[in-house]
């Protein structure tokens, strides 16, 4: 579907063509292409500039089973539509997942770049009430007030699925520091 040539990997050009072919919201100009490449780099464990099958599935799969099961509970039961319509729905859903994931990566990257401080300081800055965790409401409000980002539900869920390791819909200090520290090291390794 995205790897039309059956190369066994997906690169920036494959993703760009996928977004153009399905008229999805990610821009395919130079800036959009750079966003796609940054997204690929985030999950590209072997640092070859492309995603193999395992890297791709890790990129689009929620990291927490609580979020995955809540997604399936929201979906309506399968009706008797023909397979072509189901395939189109699946393609659009995949596109939305990738699009949301790319946007989420950009938001998180911008948070780290704009604040230019370590993970614990970022957490303390967001956790203004000193609760020891960040709720979805606090995080959404903070990103809007401090960075000008209005998070849609899918982006907030993607952020939660990445940071909230125990599925309690709160990002605790250790979860946040562990993830931000991991993504900082991955980013450094990718640039070397």
Foldseek 3Di string as FASTA:
>chain_A
DLPPVPPQWHALVSLLVLCVVLVHDQDSPPVSSVLSQVLQLLQVPVLPRIGGPVSVCVLQDQQEVLLVVVVVVPDDDDDPDDPVVVVSVVSVVSNVSSVLSSVLVVLVVCLCVVVVDAQLVSVCVLPVVPPQKHALVSVQVCCCVPVVDRDDPSNSSSVCSQQVHVPPRIRGSVSRNVRVVVSVVSVVVSVD
